[in-house]
Amino acid sequence: MDVSLVVSNILNPPVLAFFLGMLAVFLKSDLEIPPPLPKLFSLYLLFAIGFKGGVELVKSGVSQEVILTLVAAMFMACIVPVYTFFILRVKLDDYNAAAIASTYGSISAVTFITASSFLTQLGIAFDGYMVAALALMESPAIIVGLILVNVFTAEQGKREFVWSEVLREAFLNGSVFLLIGSLIMGILTGEHGWTVLKPFTQDMFYGVLTFFLLDMGLLAAKRIKDLQKAGVFLILFAILIPILNAGIALAIAKIIGMSQGDALLFAVLCASASYIAVPAAMRLTVPEANPSLYISTALAVTFPFNIIVGIPLYLYGINIFWT
């Protein structure tokens, strides 16, 4: 792999802010982001990327390429939780296996944004409708994970399966609702809406992302101690499964003819793990699962791995197979 790709990705202000946050914790600095602000940053980023995706979807139209991409995204969001669930059951109970499987079947919007920034820095074009894929991949993993845990525990008489609760948490979770809602707003308002909101949705974007990743660095460093509970099995899982998922995604992207930029974003979506929407859903609907397991693996292992090594690694694979 070209080391310059890794260096280029790291020498990006938002990514450097992530490391600054981790360093602050390791050096026991009193640096912190006031509690209400990270939630606001998260809501802003979800709205901005959703709105832009809706506008870009209007520009590109609903072509065969768009439909194939969205179908592929839905397929991966549904299948990843299934096979990871059975892998995890080798060492974990059904509750924790389902929670972690949902986490890795869903996506990290911030990893997607970081990859978009990386492509922009390298001058590699990508299509805005990939944000629609991002929006569509959040909920299916939650639904599949909840179905798995309810089916396998219901057989043992431990839980009662309630469809209304499953669907409500999957689709009305705040981050999912805002992402889909802003996507629809972008579709309805189009270029006019983009012009009106551009100072808010574009000019402020990377500044907010930088502060958000600073907070993520603080949080990830604090979660590292939870990895002791995860053990070697889960740490290896949190590194190897993203690579496997990215490999499958790149094979699909090659088959359906995605561009290099779109292929990278698709691979990143499939390789990332949710540390916002899914943990919120799992805490409510699967309280038997241990949050320190699915949050620490996603946030303290997979997220740093993807933004440091994963994104350049997946692009390296693309450079080999797309030329």
C-alpha atoms as a PDB file:
ATOM      1  CA  MET A   1       0.000   0.000   0.000  1.00  0.00           C
ATOM      2  CA  ASP A   2       1.206   3.501  -0.846  1.00  0.00           C
ATOM      3  CA  VAL A   3       2.307   5.070   2.437  1.00  0.00           C
ATOM      4  CA  SER A   4       1.622   8.518   0.992  1.00  0.00           C
ATOM      5  CA  LEU A   5      -2.114   7.679   0.973  1.00  0.00           C
ATOM      6  CA  VAL A   6      -2.014   7.006   4.709  1.00  0.00           C
ATOM      7  CA  VAL A   7      -0.039  10.181   5.354  1.00  0.00           C
ATOM      8  CA  SER A   8      -2.393  12.218   3.148  1.00  0.00           C
ATOM      9  CA  ASN A   9      -5.374  10.905   5.081  1.00  0.00           C
ATOM     10  CA  ILE A  10      -3.822  11.571   8.487  1.00  0.00           C
ATOM     11  CA  LEU A  11      -2.680  15.091   7.553  1.00  0.00           C
ATOM     12  CA  ASN A  12      -6.278  16.212   7.279  1.00  0.00           C
ATOM     13  CA  PRO A  13      -7.469  18.765   9.900  1.00  0.00           C
ATOM     14  CA  PRO A  14     -10.495  16.731  11.086  1.00  0.00           C
ATOM     15  CA  VAL A  15      -8.404  13.549  11.427  1.00  0.00           C
ATOM     16  CA  LEU A  16      -5.640  15.439  13.242  1.00  0.00           C
ATOM     17  CA  ALA A  17      -8.309  16.805  15.589  1.00  0.00           C
ATOM     18  CA  PHE A  18      -9.284  13.207  16.411  1.00  0.00           C
ATOM     19  CA  PHE A  19      -5.700  12.435  17.440  1.00  0.00           C
ATOM     20  CA  LEU A  20      -5.519  15.671  19.401  1.00  0.00           C
ATOM     21  CA  GLY A  21      -8.530  14.540  21.425  1.00  0.00           C
ATOM     22  CA  MET A  22      -6.968  11.148  22.121  1.00  0.00           C
ATOM     23  CA  LEU A  23      -3.674  12.803  23.114  1.00  0.00           C
ATOM     24  CA  ALA A  24      -5.507  15.082  25.547  1.00  0.00           C
ATOM     25  CA  VAL A  25      -6.894  12.049  27.387  1.00  0.00           C
ATOM     26  CA  PHE A  26      -3.577  10.186  27.411  1.00  0.00           C
ATOM     27  CA  LEU A  27      -1.789  13.251  28.829  1.00  0.00           C
ATOM     28  CA  LYS A  28      -4.636  13.820  31.323  1.00  0.00           C
ATOM     29  CA  SER A  29      -5.471  17.286  30.029  1.00  0.00           C
ATOM     30  CA  ASP A  30      -8.725  18.864  31.228  1.00  0.00           C
ATOM     31  CA  LEU A  31      -9.766  19.540  27.617  1.00  0.00           C
ATOM     32  CA  GLU A  32     -13.427  18.725  27.037  1.00  0.00           C
ATOM     33  CA  ILE A  33     -16.330  19.628  24.757  1.00  0.00           C
ATOM     34  CA  PRO A  34     -19.368  20.839  26.762  1.00  0.00           C
ATOM     35  CA  PRO A  35     -21.945  17.985  26.794  1.00  0.00           C
ATOM     36  CA  PRO A  36     -24.729  19.547  24.664  1.00  0.00           C
ATOM     37  CA  LEU A  37     -22.379  20.433  21.788  1.00  0.00           C
ATOM     38  CA  PRO A  38     -21.394  16.934  20.529  1.00  0.00           C
ATOM     39  CA  LYS A  39     -25.090  16.112  20.098  1.00  0.00           C
ATOM     40  CA  LEU A  40     -25.572  19.367  18.176  1.00  0.00           C
ATOM     41  CA  PHE A  41     -22.512  18.624  16.010  1.00  0.00           C
ATOM     42  CA  SER A  42     -23.888  15.168  15.248  1.00  0.00           C
ATOM     43  CA  LEU A  43     -27.309  16.529  14.275  1.00  0.00           C
ATOM     44  CA  TYR A  44     -25.708  19.204  12.100  1.00  0.00           C
ATOM     45  CA  LEU A  45     -23.525  16.706  10.217  1.00  0.00           C
ATOM     46  CA  LEU A  46     -26.444  14.348   9.616  1.00  0.00           C
ATOM     47  CA  PHE A  47     -28.616  17.190   8.331  1.00  0.00           C
ATOM     48  CA  ALA A  48     -25.874  18.620   6.104  1.00  0.00           C
ATOM     49  CA  ILE A  49     -24.928  15.345   4.422  1.00  0.00           C
ATOM     50  CA  GLY A  50     -28.571  14.291   4.054  1.00  0.00           C
ATOM     51  CA  PHE A  51     -29.597  17.605   2.512  1.00  0.00           C
ATOM     52  CA  LYS A  52     -26.661  17.617   0.105  1.00  0.00           C
ATOM     53  CA  GLY A  53     -27.396  14.021  -0.857  1.00  0.00           C
ATOM     54  CA  GLY A  54     -31.000  14.912  -1.699  1.00  0.00           C
ATOM     55  CA  VAL A  55     -29.876  17.818  -3.897  1.00  0.00           C
ATOM     56  CA  GLU A  56     -27.321  15.630  -5.681  1.00  0.00           C
ATOM     57  CA  LEU A  57     -29.894  12.882  -6.162  1.00  0.00           C
ATOM     58  CA  VAL A  58     -32.109  15.370  -7.990  1.00  0.00           C
ATOM     59  CA  LYS A  59     -29.161  16.349 -10.218  1.00  0.00           C
ATOM     60  CA  SER A  60     -28.195  12.782 -11.093  1.00  0.00           C
ATOM     61  CA  GLY A  61     -31.726  11.477 -11.490  1.00  0.00           C
ATOM     62  CA  VAL A  62     -32.819   7.911 -10.823  1.00  0.00           C
ATOM     63  CA  SER A  63     -30.713   5.983 -13.336  1.00  0.00           C
ATOM     64  CA  GLN A  64     -29.919   2.275 -13.508  1.00  0.00           C
ATOM     65  CA  GLU A  65     -26.577   2.983 -11.846  1.00  0.00           C
ATOM     66  CA  VAL A  66     -28.278   4.728  -8.922  1.00  0.00           C
ATOM     67  CA  ILE A  67     -30.810   1.920  -8.476  1.00  0.00           C
ATOM     68  CA  LEU A  68     -28.120  -0.783  -8.573  1.00  0.00           C
ATOM     69  CA  THR A  69     -26.037   1.114  -6.013  1.00  0.00           C
ATOM     70  CA  LEU A  70     -28.955   1.553  -3.621  1.00  0.00           C
ATOM     71  CA  VAL A  71     -29.978  -2.108  -3.985  1.00  0.00           C
ATOM     72  CA  ALA A  72     -26.389  -3.166  -3.271  1.00  0.00           C
ATOM     73  CA  ALA A  73     -26.339  -0.919  -0.196  1.00  0.00           C
ATOM     74  CA  MET A  74     -29.563  -2.436   1.130  1.00  0.00           C
ATOM     75  CA  PHE A  75     -28.261  -5.939   0.440  1.00  0.00           C
ATOM     76  CA  MET A  76     -25.058  -5.365   2.413  1.00  0.00           C
ATOM     77  CA  ALA A  77     -26.932  -3.713   5.278  1.00  0.00           C
ATOM     78  CA  CYS A  78     -29.127  -6.809   5.588  1.00  0.00           C
ATOM     79  CA  ILE A  79     -26.556  -9.561   5.010  1.00  0.00           C
ATOM     80  CA  VAL A  80     -23.642  -8.281   7.132  1.00  0.00           C
ATOM     81  CA  PRO A  81     -25.541  -8.538  10.457  1.00  0.00           C
ATOM     82  CA  VAL A  82     -26.553 -12.116   9.611  1.00  0.00           C
ATOM     83  CA  TYR A  83     -23.132 -13.645   9.006  1.00  0.00           C
ATOM     84  CA  THR A  84     -21.406 -11.561  11.683  1.00  0.00           C
ATOM     85  CA  PHE A  85     -24.064 -12.694  14.186  1.00  0.00           C
ATOM     86  CA  PHE A  86     -23.130 -16.341  13.644  1.00  0.00           C
ATOM     87  CA  ILE A  87     -19.423 -15.544  13.834  1.00  0.00           C
ATOM     88  CA  LEU A  88     -19.931 -13.730  17.127  1.00  0.00           C
ATOM     89  CA  ARG A  89     -22.070 -16.529  18.597  1.00  0.00           C
ATOM     90  CA  VAL A  90     -18.922 -18.658  18.709  1.00  0.00           C
ATOM     91  CA  LYS A  91     -17.785 -16.636  21.742  1.00  0.00           C
ATOM     92  CA  LEU A  92     -20.768 -14.520  22.838  1.00  0.00           C
ATOM     93  CA  ASP A  93     -24.379 -14.974  23.906  1.00  0.00           C
ATOM     94  CA  ASP A  94     -27.264 -14.122  21.553  1.00  0.00           C
ATOM     95  CA  TYR A  95     -27.861 -10.654  23.026  1.00  0.00           C
ATOM     96  CA  ASN A  96     -24.313  -9.382  22.644  1.00  0.00           C
ATOM     97  CA  ALA A  97     -23.834 -11.144  19.299  1.00  0.00           C
ATOM     98  CA  ALA A  98     -26.948  -9.445  17.877  1.00  0.00           C
ATOM     99  CA  ALA A  99     -26.026  -6.018  19.252  1.00  0.00           C
ATOM    100  CA  ILE A 100     -22.502  -6.131  17.831  1.00  0.00           C
ATOM    101  CA  ALA A 101     -23.725  -7.608  14.532  1.00  0.00           C
ATOM    102  CA  SER A 102     -26.181  -4.710  14.157  1.00  0.00           C
ATOM    103  CA  THR A 103     -23.391  -2.260  14.935  1.00  0.00           C
ATOM    104  CA  TYR A 104     -21.227  -3.649  12.130  1.00  0.00           C
ATOM    105  CA  GLY A 105     -24.126  -4.020   9.708  1.00  0.00           C
ATOM    106  CA  SER A 106     -24.971  -0.348  10.089  1.00  0.00           C
ATOM    107  CA  ILE A 107     -22.759   2.591   9.166  1.00  0.00           C
ATOM    108  CA  SER A 108     -20.692   5.454  10.557  1.00  0.00           C
ATOM    109  CA  ALA A 109     -21.680   8.746   8.942  1.00  0.00           C
ATOM    110  CA  VAL A 110     -18.508  10.413  10.231  1.00  0.00           C
ATOM    111  CA  THR A 111     -16.288   7.755   8.619  1.00  0.00           C
ATOM    112  CA  PHE A 112     -18.199   8.356   5.374  1.00  0.00           C
ATOM    113  CA  ILE A 113     -17.653  12.106   5.696  1.00  0.00           C
ATOM    114  CA  THR A 114     -13.945  11.589   6.403  1.00  0.00           C
ATOM    115  CA  ALA A 115     -13.658   9.416   3.290  1.00  0.00           C
ATOM    116  CA  SER A 116     -15.463  12.088   1.252  1.00  0.00           C
ATOM    117  CA  SER A 117     -12.973  14.670   2.510  1.00  0.00           C
ATOM    118  CA  PHE A 118     -10.101  12.327   1.600  1.00  0.00           C
ATOM    119  CA  LEU A 119     -11.429  11.940  -1.967  1.00  0.00           C
ATOM    120  CA  THR A 120     -11.874  15.705  -2.303  1.00  0.00           C
ATOM    121  CA  GLN A 121      -8.305  16.258  -1.136  1.00  0.00           C
ATOM    122  CA  LEU A 122      -7.035  13.796  -3.768  1.00  0.00           C
ATOM    123  CA  GLY A 123      -9.256  15.264  -6.501  1.00  0.00           C
ATOM    124  CA  ILE A 124     -11.182  12.011  -7.048  1.00  0.00           C
ATOM    125  CA  ALA A 125     -14.797  12.572  -8.113  1.00  0.00           C
ATOM    126  CA  PHE A 126     -17.741  10.850  -6.445  1.00  0.00           C
ATOM    127  CA  ASP A 127     -21.513  11.092  -6.805  1.00  0.00           C
ATOM    128  CA  GLY A 128     -23.753  12.827  -4.297  1.00  0.00           C
ATOM    129  CA  TYR A 129     -26.353  10.056  -4.430  1.00  0.00           C
ATOM    130  CA  MET A 130     -24.009   7.937  -2.294  1.00  0.00           C
ATOM    131  CA  VAL A 131     -25.552   9.839   0.620  1.00  0.00           C
ATOM    132  CA  ALA A 132     -28.837   8.126  -0.269  1.00  0.00           C
ATOM    133  CA  ALA A 133     -27.022   4.814   0.171  1.00  0.00           C
ATOM    134  CA  LEU A 134     -25.809   6.068   3.545  1.00  0.00           C
ATOM    135  CA  ALA A 135     -29.378   6.897   4.589  1.00  0.00           C
ATOM    136  CA  LEU A 136     -30.728   3.533   3.446  1.00  0.00           C
ATOM    137  CA  MET A 137     -28.077   1.480   5.249  1.00  0.00           C
ATOM    138  CA  GLU A 138     -28.768   2.720   8.781  1.00  0.00           C
ATOM    139  CA  SER A 139     -32.111   1.080   9.604  1.00  0.00           C
ATOM    140  CA  PRO A 140     -31.942  -2.403   7.985  1.00  0.00           C
ATOM    141  CA  ALA A 141     -29.094  -3.512  10.228  1.00  0.00           C
ATOM    142  CA  ILE A 142     -31.066  -2.492  13.322  1.00  0.00           C
ATOM    143  CA  ILE A 143     -34.121  -4.415  12.115  1.00  0.00           C
ATOM    144  CA  VAL A 144     -32.126  -7.531  11.191  1.00  0.00           C
ATOM    145  CA  GLY A 145     -30.247  -7.476  14.494  1.00  0.00           C
ATOM    146  CA  LEU A 146     -33.447  -7.170  16.505  1.00  0.00           C
ATOM    147  CA  ILE A 147     -35.073  -9.943  14.498  1.00  0.00           C
ATOM    148  CA  LEU A 148     -32.090 -12.206  15.161  1.00  0.00           C
ATOM    149  CA  VAL A 149     -32.022 -11.586  18.896  1.00  0.00           C
ATOM    150  CA  ASN A 150     -35.787 -11.998  19.211  1.00  0.00           C
ATOM    151  CA  VAL A 151     -35.947 -15.146  17.106  1.00  0.00           C
ATOM    152  CA  PHE A 152     -33.093 -16.924  18.858  1.00  0.00           C
ATOM    153  CA  THR A 153     -34.065 -15.876  22.381  1.00  0.00           C
ATOM    154  CA  ALA A 154     -37.791 -16.400  21.790  1.00  0.00           C
ATOM    155  CA  GLU A 155     -37.013 -20.033  21.026  1.00  0.00           C
ATOM    156  CA  GLN A 156     -35.609 -20.246  24.548  1.00  0.00           C
ATOM    157  CA  GLY A 157     -38.609 -18.423  26.025  1.00  0.00           C
ATOM    158  CA  LYS A 158     -36.508 -15.431  27.114  1.00  0.00           C
ATOM    159  CA  ARG A 159     -38.099 -12.617  25.060  1.00  0.00           C
ATOM    160  CA  GLU A 160     -41.326 -11.747  23.302  1.00  0.00           C
ATOM    161  CA  PHE A 161     -40.996 -10.490  19.729  1.00  0.00           C
ATOM    162  CA  VAL A 162     -42.919  -7.211  19.192  1.00  0.00           C
ATOM    163  CA  TRP A 163     -42.768  -5.933  15.605  1.00  0.00           C
ATOM    164  CA  SER A 164     -44.091  -2.463  16.435  1.00  0.00           C
ATOM    165  CA  GLU A 165     -41.236  -1.785  18.861  1.00  0.00           C
ATOM    166  CA  VAL A 166     -38.634  -3.100  16.417  1.00  0.00           C
ATOM    167  CA  LEU A 167     -39.842  -0.976  13.494  1.00  0.00           C
ATOM    168  CA  ARG A 168     -40.383   2.125  15.604  1.00  0.00           C
ATOM    169  CA  GLU A 169     -36.842   2.090  16.958  1.00  0.00           C
ATOM    170  CA  ALA A 170     -35.370   1.319  13.529  1.00  0.00           C
ATOM    171  CA  PHE A 171     -37.095   4.104  11.611  1.00  0.00           C
ATOM    172  CA  LEU A 172     -37.883   6.740  14.234  1.00  0.00           C
ATOM    173  CA  ASN A 173     -34.487   6.768  15.899  1.00  0.00           C
ATOM    174  CA  GLY A 174     -33.455  10.438  15.924  1.00  0.00           C
ATOM    175  CA  SER A 175     -30.381  10.159  13.698  1.00  0.00           C
ATOM    176  CA  VAL A 176     -32.144   7.957  11.134  1.00  0.00           C
ATOM    177  CA  PHE A 177     -35.200  10.219  11.088  1.00  0.00           C
ATOM    178  CA  LEU A 178     -33.119  13.387  10.614  1.00  0.00           C
ATOM    179  CA  LEU A 179     -30.947  11.852   7.888  1.00  0.00           C
ATOM    180  CA  ILE A 180     -33.899  10.613   5.851  1.00  0.00           C
ATOM    181  CA  GLY A 181     -35.879  13.797   6.511  1.00  0.00           C
ATOM    182  CA  SER A 182     -33.050  16.077   5.371  1.00  0.00           C
ATOM    183  CA  LEU A 183     -32.526  13.881   2.297  1.00  0.00           C
ATOM    184  CA  ILE A 184     -36.189  14.396   1.364  1.00  0.00           C
ATOM    185  CA  MET A 185     -35.843  18.139   1.999  1.00  0.00           C
ATOM    186  CA  GLY A 186     -32.915  18.234  -0.409  1.00  0.00           C
ATOM    187  CA  ILE A 187     -34.929  16.378  -3.043  1.00  0.00           C
ATOM    188  CA  LEU A 188     -37.918  18.713  -2.678  1.00  0.00           C
ATOM    189  CA  THR A 189     -35.991  22.004  -2.687  1.00  0.00           C
ATOM    190  CA  GLY A 190     -33.222  21.052  -5.125  1.00  0.00           C
ATOM    191  CA  GLU A 191     -30.692  23.623  -6.299  1.00  0.00           C
ATOM    192  CA  HIS A 192     -32.685  26.543  -4.889  1.00  0.00           C
ATOM    193  CA  GLY A 193     -32.602  25.035  -1.411  1.00  0.00           C
ATOM    194  CA  TRP A 194     -28.880  24.366  -1.735  1.00  0.00           C
ATOM    195  CA  THR A 195     -28.205  27.999  -2.690  1.00  0.00           C
ATOM    196  CA  VAL A 196     -30.174  29.244   0.300  1.00  0.00           C
ATOM    197  CA  LEU A 197     -28.517  26.908   2.821  1.00  0.00           C
ATOM    198  CA  LYS A 198     -25.029  26.750   1.313  1.00  0.00           C
ATOM    199  CA  PRO A 199     -23.409  29.020   3.967  1.00  0.00           C
ATOM    200  CA  PHE A 200     -24.820  26.667   6.599  1.00  0.00           C
ATOM    201  CA  THR A 201     -24.537  23.236   4.962  1.00  0.00           C
ATOM    202  CA  GLN A 202     -21.189  23.700   3.176  1.00  0.00           C
ATOM    203  CA  ASP A 203     -19.136  26.635   4.466  1.00  0.00           C
ATOM    204  CA  MET A 204     -19.447  25.546   8.114  1.00  0.00           C
ATOM    205  CA  PHE A 205     -19.187  21.835   7.402  1.00  0.00           C
ATOM    206  CA  TYR A 206     -15.489  21.079   7.889  1.00  0.00           C
ATOM    207  CA  GLY A 207     -15.211  23.323  10.931  1.00  0.00           C
ATOM    208  CA  VAL A 208     -18.011  21.430  12.660  1.00  0.00           C
ATOM    209  CA  LEU A 209     -16.564  18.089  11.514  1.00  0.00           C
ATOM    210  CA  THR A 210     -13.201  19.049  13.029  1.00  0.00           C
ATOM    211  CA  PHE A 211     -14.732  19.773  16.430  1.00  0.00           C
ATOM    212  CA  PHE A 212     -16.874  16.639  16.231  1.00  0.00           C
ATOM    213  CA  LEU A 213     -13.815  14.468  15.588  1.00  0.00           C
ATOM    214  CA  LEU A 214     -11.985  16.217  18.418  1.00  0.00           C
ATOM    215  CA  ASP A 215     -14.779  15.046  20.706  1.00  0.00           C
ATOM    216  CA  MET A 216     -14.668  11.570  19.123  1.00  0.00           C
ATOM    217  CA  GLY A 217     -10.960  11.415  19.939  1.00  0.00           C
ATOM    218  CA  LEU A 218     -11.672  12.268  23.572  1.00  0.00           C
ATOM    219  CA  LEU A 219     -14.418   9.650  23.741  1.00  0.00           C
ATOM    220  CA  ALA A 220     -12.451   6.929  21.919  1.00  0.00           C
ATOM    221  CA  ALA A 221      -9.456   7.319  24.231  1.00  0.00           C
ATOM    222  CA  LYS A 222     -11.720   7.022  27.274  1.00  0.00           C
ATOM    223  CA  ARG A 223     -13.244   3.849  25.809  1.00  0.00           C
ATOM    224  CA  ILE A 224      -9.916   2.105  25.307  1.00  0.00           C
ATOM    225  CA  LYS A 225     -10.021   0.685  28.835  1.00  0.00           C
ATOM    226  CA  ASP A 226     -13.297  -1.051  27.929  1.00  0.00           C
ATOM    227  CA  LEU A 227     -11.371  -3.139  25.392  1.00  0.00           C
ATOM    228  CA  GLN A 228     -10.095  -5.223  28.291  1.00  0.00           C
ATOM    229  CA  LYS A 229     -13.648  -6.532  28.609  1.00  0.00           C
ATOM    230  CA  ALA A 230     -13.841  -7.180  24.866  1.00  0.00           C
ATOM    231  CA  GLY A 231     -10.853  -9.495  24.749  1.00  0.00           C
ATOM    232  CA  VAL A 232      -8.619 -10.488  21.841  1.00  0.00           C
ATOM    233  CA  PHE A 233     -11.458 -12.134  19.902  1.00  0.00           C
ATOM    234  CA  LEU A 234     -13.507  -8.946  19.628  1.00  0.00           C
ATOM    235  CA  ILE A 235     -10.484  -6.736  18.950  1.00  0.00           C
ATOM    236  CA  LEU A 236      -9.505  -8.964  16.004  1.00  0.00           C
ATOM    237  CA  PHE A 237     -13.150  -9.046  14.892  1.00  0.00           C
ATOM    238  CA  ALA A 238     -13.266  -5.223  14.951  1.00  0.00           C
ATOM    239  CA  ILE A 239     -10.291  -5.066  12.556  1.00  0.00           C
ATOM    240  CA  LEU A 240     -10.775  -8.074  10.281  1.00  0.00           C
ATOM    241  CA  ILE A 241     -14.534  -7.853   9.680  1.00  0.00           C
ATOM    242  CA  PRO A 242     -14.300  -4.296   8.260  1.00  0.00           C
ATOM    243  CA  ILE A 243     -11.624  -5.508   5.833  1.00  0.00           C
ATOM    244  CA  LEU A 244     -13.804  -8.476   4.841  1.00  0.00           C
ATOM    245  CA  ASN A 245     -16.886  -6.274   4.402  1.00  0.00           C
ATOM    246  CA  ALA A 246     -14.899  -3.757   2.347  1.00  0.00           C
ATOM    247  CA  GLY A 247     -13.580  -6.566   0.139  1.00  0.00           C
ATOM    248  CA  ILE A 248     -17.100  -7.842  -0.543  1.00  0.00           C
ATOM    249  CA  ALA A 249     -18.270  -4.286  -1.211  1.00  0.00           C
ATOM    250  CA  LEU A 250     -15.464  -3.646  -3.697  1.00  0.00           C
ATOM    251  CA  ALA A 251     -16.290  -6.870  -5.547  1.00  0.00           C
ATOM    252  CA  ILE A 252     -19.928  -5.770  -5.832  1.00  0.00           C
ATOM    253  CA  ALA A 253     -18.869  -2.241  -6.858  1.00  0.00           C
ATOM    254  CA  LYS A 254     -16.671  -3.651  -9.619  1.00  0.00           C
ATOM    255  CA  ILE A 255     -19.447  -5.905 -10.911  1.00  0.00           C
ATOM    256  CA  ILE A 256     -22.058  -3.140 -11.125  1.00  0.00           C
ATOM    257  CA  GLY A 257     -19.578  -0.628 -12.562  1.00  0.00           C
ATOM    258  CA  MET A 258     -19.180   1.998  -9.841  1.00  0.00           C
ATOM    259  CA  SER A 259     -16.599   4.734 -10.317  1.00  0.00           C
ATOM    260  CA  GLN A 260     -13.492   4.696  -8.124  1.00  0.00           C
ATOM    261  CA  GLY A 261     -14.797   7.443  -5.842  1.00  0.00           C
ATOM    262  CA  ASP A 262     -18.199   5.805  -5.393  1.00  0.00           C
ATOM    263  CA  ALA A 263     -16.572   2.411  -4.845  1.00  0.00           C
ATOM    264  CA  LEU A 264     -14.460   3.806  -2.003  1.00  0.00           C
ATOM    265  CA  LEU A 265     -17.469   5.390  -0.305  1.00  0.00           C
ATOM    266  CA  PHE A 266     -19.449   2.157  -0.696  1.00  0.00           C
ATOM    267  CA  ALA A 267     -16.569   0.144   0.762  1.00  0.00           C
ATOM    268  CA  VAL A 268     -16.272   2.592   3.674  1.00  0.00           C
ATOM    269  CA  LEU A 269     -20.002   2.359   4.375  1.00  0.00           C
ATOM    270  CA  CYS A 270     -19.817  -1.439   4.461  1.00  0.00           C
ATOM    271  CA  ALA A 271     -16.613  -1.462   6.522  1.00  0.00           C
ATOM    272  CA  SER A 272     -17.711   1.068   9.137  1.00  0.00           C
ATOM    273  CA  ALA A 273     -19.619   0.455  12.359  1.00  0.00           C
ATOM    274  CA  SER A 274     -22.285   2.586  13.988  1.00  0.00           C
ATOM    275  CA  TYR A 275     -21.528   4.168  17.362  1.00  0.00           C
ATOM    276  CA  ILE A 276     -24.533   6.529  17.448  1.00  0.00           C
ATOM    277  CA  ALA A 277     -27.784   5.158  16.009  1.00  0.00           C
ATOM    278  CA  VAL A 278     -27.350   1.450  16.725  1.00  0.00           C
ATOM    279  CA  PRO A 279     -26.095   1.837  20.324  1.00  0.00           C
ATOM    280  CA  ALA A 280     -29.090   4.079  21.033  1.00  0.00           C
ATOM    281  CA  ALA A 281     -31.421   1.451  19.573  1.00  0.00           C
ATOM    282  CA  MET A 282     -29.744  -1.469  21.321  1.00  0.00           C
ATOM    283  CA  ARG A 283     -29.753   0.213  24.732  1.00  0.00           C
ATOM    284  CA  LEU A 284     -33.509   0.574  24.481  1.00  0.00           C
ATOM    285  CA  THR A 285     -34.509  -2.683  22.822  1.00  0.00           C
ATOM    286  CA  VAL A 286     -31.758  -5.107  23.919  1.00  0.00           C
ATOM    287  CA  PRO A 287     -30.838  -3.996  27.450  1.00  0.00           C
ATOM    288  CA  GLU A 288     -29.372  -7.455  28.092  1.00  0.00           C
ATOM    289  CA  ALA A 289     -26.422  -6.652  25.809  1.00  0.00           C
ATOM    290  CA  ASN A 290     -23.316  -5.047  27.299  1.00  0.00           C
ATOM    291  CA  PRO A 291     -22.859  -1.518  25.797  1.00  0.00           C
ATOM    292  CA  SER A 292     -19.142  -1.484  26.605  1.00  0.00           C
ATOM    293  CA  LEU A 293     -18.662  -4.310  24.090  1.00  0.00           C
ATOM    294  CA  TYR A 294     -20.430  -2.904  21.045  1.00  0.00           C
ATOM    295  CA  ILE A 295     -19.512   0.735  21.676  1.00  0.00           C
ATOM    296  CA  SER A 296     -15.830   0.187  22.482  1.00  0.00           C
ATOM    297  CA  THR A 297     -15.198  -2.113  19.513  1.00  0.00           C
ATOM    298  CA  ALA A 298     -16.874   0.297  17.077  1.00  0.00           C
ATOM    299  CA  LEU A 299     -15.510   3.534  18.496  1.00  0.00           C
ATOM    300  CA  ALA A 300     -12.129   2.620  19.966  1.00  0.00           C
ATOM    301  CA  VAL A 301     -11.020   0.050  17.359  1.00  0.00           C
ATOM    302  CA  THR A 302     -12.934   0.122  14.063  1.00  0.00           C
ATOM    303  CA  PHE A 303     -13.380   3.894  13.776  1.00  0.00           C
ATOM    304  CA  PRO A 304      -9.665   4.757  14.279  1.00  0.00           C
ATOM    305  CA  PHE A 305      -8.636   1.800  12.116  1.00  0.00           C
ATOM    306  CA  ASN A 306     -10.807   2.979   9.233  1.00  0.00           C
ATOM    307  CA  ILE A 307      -9.783   6.632   9.310  1.00  0.00           C
ATOM    308  CA  ILE A 308      -6.061   5.836   9.693  1.00  0.00           C
ATOM    309  CA  VAL A 309      -5.520   2.649   7.684  1.00  0.00           C
ATOM    310  CA  GLY A 310      -8.829   1.463   6.258  1.00  0.00           C
ATOM    311  CA  ILE A 311      -9.668   4.330   3.891  1.00  0.00           C
ATOM    312  CA  PRO A 312      -6.200   4.370   2.239  1.00  0.00           C
ATOM    313  CA  LEU A 313      -6.179   0.531   2.169  1.00  0.00           C
ATOM    314  CA  TYR A 314      -9.523   0.336   0.367  1.00  0.00           C
ATOM    315  CA  LEU A 315      -8.413   3.000  -2.113  1.00  0.00           C
ATOM    316  CA  TYR A 316      -5.226   1.026  -2.720  1.00  0.00           C
ATOM    317  CA  GLY A 317      -7.346  -2.006  -3.616  1.00  0.00           C
ATOM    318  CA  ILE A 318      -9.425   0.144  -5.959  1.00  0.00           C
ATOM    319  CA  ASN A 319      -6.311   1.485  -7.668  1.00  0.00           C
ATOM    320  CA  ILE A 320      -5.223  -2.104  -8.353  1.00  0.00           C
ATOM    321  CA  PHE A 321      -8.517  -3.530  -9.625  1.00  0.00           C
ATOM    322  CA  TRP A 322      -9.926  -0.449 -11.393  1.00  0.00           C
ATOM    323  CA  THR A 323      -6.873   0.021 -13.642  1.00  0.00           C
END
